[in-house]
Each structure stands twice: as structure tokens, then as C-alpha cells.
Amino acid sequence: MTKQLVKDKIDQLPDTKIDTVADYIDYILYKENSVFPIWEIIKLQEESGVFDFLKDEPDLYPDDKLLEKYQ
């Protein structure tokens, strides 16, 4: 669908629906411009040391207790 077709369809709408269309366009633009920074959050977690307590966690299943070891 081209921009002109969308504009033509908007022109066919009653004036009472124009605000709804404008709100939806604002929503789409907001979603397009706001990228969820997942990699930034992961980096912050790694740097903050929030999971450092797991490094001192003893192995629940040490190698000498395994019946079969997969490689």
C-alpha cells in the first residue's frame, strides 16, 4: 500500500475519526523510535556484579558423582 492510498483512505474518514488515526500514528512512531535496549541492560547486569553470588555456588553435581559423563 502506498502513502497516497493511505492518505486517500484517511480523507474518506469522518472528522470524528481523525483523532483516532492521529493517535495510532503517534503510537506507531513511538514504537518505531523506542528500541528496547536489552543489550544495554545485560551489560549493566554484568558490570554491576548482581549475579556474582553464583560464582561461589558449589557444584551440585561434581564430576566424580556422575554416573555417565557427556562430552
N, C-alpha and C. Protein backbone atom coordinates (compact mmCIF):
# COMPACT_ATOMS: atom_id res chain seq x y z
N MET A 1 0.86 -1.17 0.00
CA MET A 1 0.00 0.00 0.00
C MET A 1 0.91 1.24 0.00
N THR A 2 0.60 2.16 -0.86
CA THR A 2 1.40 3.37 -0.96
C THR A 2 0.89 4.44 0.01
N LYS A 3 1.72 5.41 0.24
CA LYS A 3 1.34 6.52 1.14
C LYS A 3 0.12 7.26 0.59
N GLN A 4 0.08 7.37 -0.72
CA GLN A 4 -1.05 8.09 -1.32
C GLN A 4 -2.37 7.36 -1.07
N LEU A 5 -2.35 6.03 -1.15
CA LEU A 5 -3.57 5.26 -0.87
C LEU A 5 -4.00 5.45 0.58
N VAL A 6 -3.04 5.48 1.48
CA VAL A 6 -3.37 5.69 2.89
C VAL A 6 -3.96 7.08 3.09
N LYS A 7 -3.35 8.07 2.45
CA LYS A 7 -3.87 9.44 2.55
C LYS A 7 -5.29 9.52 1.99
N ASP A 8 -5.53 8.84 0.89
CA ASP A 8 -6.88 8.85 0.29
C ASP A 8 -7.90 8.22 1.24
N LYS A 9 -7.50 7.14 1.89
CA LYS A 9 -8.42 6.49 2.84
C LYS A 9 -8.68 7.39 4.04
N ILE A 10 -7.64 8.07 4.51
CA ILE A 10 -7.84 8.99 5.63
C ILE A 10 -8.78 10.12 5.24
N ASP A 11 -8.65 10.59 4.02
CA ASP A 11 -9.54 11.66 3.54
C ASP A 11 -11.00 11.22 3.52
N GLN A 12 -11.25 9.93 3.38
CA GLN A 12 -12.61 9.42 3.34
C GLN A 12 -13.24 9.29 4.73
N LEU A 13 -12.41 9.33 5.75
CA LEU A 13 -12.92 9.16 7.11
C LEU A 13 -13.68 10.40 7.57
N PRO A 14 -14.66 10.19 8.45
CA PRO A 14 -15.32 11.35 9.04
C PRO A 14 -14.37 12.07 10.00
N ASP A 15 -14.62 13.35 10.21
CA ASP A 15 -13.75 14.15 11.06
C ASP A 15 -13.61 13.60 12.48
N THR A 16 -14.61 12.88 12.93
CA THR A 16 -14.57 12.35 14.29
C THR A 16 -13.54 11.24 14.45
N LYS A 17 -13.12 10.64 13.36
CA LYS A 17 -12.15 9.53 13.41
C LYS A 17 -10.70 9.99 13.19
N ILE A 18 -10.50 11.23 12.80
CA ILE A 18 -9.16 11.73 12.50
C ILE A 18 -8.27 11.69 13.75
N ASP A 19 -8.83 12.03 14.91
CA ASP A 19 -8.05 11.99 16.15
C ASP A 19 -7.59 10.57 16.47
N THR A 20 -8.46 9.61 16.21
CA THR A 20 -8.10 8.21 16.45
C THR A 20 -6.96 7.78 15.55
N VAL A 21 -7.02 8.17 14.30
CA VAL A 21 -5.95 7.83 13.35
C VAL A 21 -4.65 8.52 13.77
N ALA A 22 -4.75 9.77 14.17
CA ALA A 22 -3.55 10.50 14.59
C ALA A 22 -2.93 9.87 15.83
N ASP A 23 -3.76 9.43 16.77
CA ASP A 23 -3.24 8.75 17.96
C ASP A 23 -2.53 7.45 17.59
N TYR A 24 -3.11 6.72 16.67
CA TYR A 24 -2.49 5.46 16.25
C TYR A 24 -1.17 5.71 15.54
N ILE A 25 -1.12 6.74 14.72
CA ILE A 25 0.14 7.08 14.04
C ILE A 25 1.20 7.48 15.06
N ASP A 26 0.81 8.24 16.08
CA ASP A 26 1.75 8.61 17.14
C ASP A 26 2.27 7.37 17.86
N TYR A 27 1.38 6.42 18.12
CA TYR A 27 1.77 5.18 18.77
C TYR A 27 2.78 4.40 17.92
N ILE A 28 2.52 4.29 16.64
CA ILE A 28 3.43 3.57 15.75
C ILE A 28 4.79 4.26 15.70
N LEU A 29 4.80 5.58 15.62
CA LEU A 29 6.06 6.32 15.59
C LEU A 29 6.82 6.15 16.90
N TYR A 30 6.10 6.15 18.01
CA TYR A 30 6.75 5.95 19.31
C TYR A 30 7.40 4.56 19.37
N LYS A 31 6.66 3.54 18.95
CA LYS A 31 7.20 2.18 18.97
C LYS A 31 8.40 2.04 18.03
N GLU A 32 8.36 2.73 16.93
CA GLU A 32 9.45 2.66 15.95
C GLU A 32 10.72 3.31 16.49
N ASN A 33 10.57 4.37 17.25
CA ASN A 33 11.72 5.14 17.72
C ASN A 33 12.24 4.69 19.08
N SER A 34 11.48 3.90 19.80
CA SER A 34 11.94 3.48 21.12
C SER A 34 12.34 2.01 21.07
N VAL A 35 13.61 1.79 20.88
CA VAL A 35 14.15 0.43 20.81
C VAL A 35 14.44 -0.02 22.24
N PHE A 36 13.97 -1.19 22.59
CA PHE A 36 14.20 -1.72 23.92
C PHE A 36 15.67 -2.11 24.04
N PRO A 37 16.40 -1.46 24.93
CA PRO A 37 17.86 -1.67 24.98
C PRO A 37 18.25 -2.91 25.77
N ILE A 38 17.90 -4.07 25.29
CA ILE A 38 18.15 -5.31 26.02
C ILE A 38 19.65 -5.53 26.21
N TRP A 39 20.45 -5.23 25.21
CA TRP A 39 21.89 -5.45 25.33
C TRP A 39 22.50 -4.49 26.33
N GLU A 40 21.95 -3.30 26.43
CA GLU A 40 22.42 -2.34 27.44
C GLU A 40 22.11 -2.86 28.85
N ILE A 41 20.94 -3.43 29.02
CA ILE A 41 20.55 -3.97 30.33
C ILE A 41 21.43 -5.15 30.70
N ILE A 42 21.71 -6.03 29.76
CA ILE A 42 22.57 -7.18 30.02
C ILE A 42 23.97 -6.70 30.41
N LYS A 43 24.48 -5.72 29.71
CA LYS A 43 25.80 -5.18 30.01
C LYS A 43 25.82 -4.59 31.42
N LEU A 44 24.79 -3.85 31.78
CA LEU A 44 24.72 -3.28 33.12
C LEU A 44 24.69 -4.36 34.20
N GLN A 45 23.96 -5.44 33.95
CA GLN A 45 23.91 -6.53 34.91
C GLN A 45 25.28 -7.17 35.09
N GLU A 46 25.97 -7.38 33.99
CA GLU A 46 27.29 -8.00 34.05
C GLU A 46 28.27 -7.11 34.81
N GLU A 47 28.22 -5.81 34.54
CA GLU A 47 29.15 -4.88 35.17
C GLU A 47 28.82 -4.62 36.64
N SER A 48 27.56 -4.73 37.00
CA SER A 48 27.15 -4.40 38.36
C SER A 48 27.50 -5.50 39.36
N GLY A 49 27.69 -6.71 38.88
CA GLY A 49 28.01 -7.81 39.78
C GLY A 49 26.80 -8.35 40.50
N VAL A 50 25.63 -8.12 39.98
CA VAL A 50 24.40 -8.55 40.64
C VAL A 50 24.32 -10.07 40.76
N PHE A 51 24.98 -10.79 39.86
CA PHE A 51 24.94 -12.25 39.90
C PHE A 51 26.26 -12.86 40.38
N ASP A 52 27.09 -12.07 41.01
CA ASP A 52 28.38 -12.57 41.49
C ASP A 52 28.23 -13.68 42.52
N PHE A 53 27.13 -13.69 43.23
CA PHE A 53 26.92 -14.73 44.24
C PHE A 53 26.88 -16.13 43.62
N LEU A 54 26.59 -16.21 42.36
CA LEU A 54 26.53 -17.52 41.69
C LEU A 54 27.92 -18.10 41.44
N LYS A 55 28.92 -17.25 41.40
CA LYS A 55 30.29 -17.73 41.16
C LYS A 55 30.79 -18.58 42.32
N ASP A 56 30.34 -18.27 43.53
CA ASP A 56 30.77 -19.01 44.71
C ASP A 56 29.89 -20.21 45.01
N GLU A 57 28.91 -20.45 44.16
CA GLU A 57 27.99 -21.56 44.35
C GLU A 57 28.73 -22.88 44.14
N PRO A 58 28.65 -23.79 45.08
CA PRO A 58 29.32 -25.08 44.87
C PRO A 58 28.59 -25.90 43.78
N ASP A 59 29.33 -26.74 43.11
CA ASP A 59 28.73 -27.60 42.10
C ASP A 59 27.77 -28.58 42.77
N LEU A 60 26.58 -28.64 42.28
CA LEU A 60 25.60 -29.57 42.84
C LEU A 60 25.91 -31.00 42.44
N TYR A 61 26.48 -31.15 41.26
CA TYR A 61 26.80 -32.47 40.75
C TYR A 61 28.25 -32.50 40.28
N PRO A 62 29.18 -32.72 41.18
CA PRO A 62 30.59 -32.76 40.77
C PRO A 62 30.85 -33.95 39.85
N ASP A 63 31.92 -33.85 39.08
CA ASP A 63 32.25 -34.87 38.08
C ASP A 63 32.41 -36.27 38.69
N ASP A 64 32.94 -36.34 39.89
CA ASP A 64 33.17 -37.67 40.46
C ASP A 64 31.88 -38.36 40.90
N LYS A 65 30.78 -37.65 40.94
CA LYS A 65 29.50 -38.24 41.33
C LYS A 65 28.63 -38.64 40.13
N LEU A 66 29.09 -38.29 38.94
CA LEU A 66 28.30 -38.59 37.74
C LEU A 66 28.38 -40.07 37.38
N LEU A 67 27.27 -40.62 36.98
CA LEU A 67 27.26 -41.99 36.51
C LEU A 67 27.74 -42.08 35.06
N GLU A 68 27.39 -41.06 34.29
CA GLU A 68 27.79 -41.04 32.89
C GLU A 68 28.10 -39.58 32.53
N LYS A 69 29.20 -39.37 31.87
CA LYS A 69 29.61 -38.02 31.52
C LYS A 69 29.51 -37.82 30.01
N TYR A 70 28.76 -36.80 29.64
CA TYR A 70 28.60 -36.47 28.23
C TYR A 70 29.60 -35.41 27.84
N GLN A 71 30.09 -35.51 26.62
CA GLN A 71 31.08 -34.53 26.16
C GLN A 71 30.51 -33.60 25.15
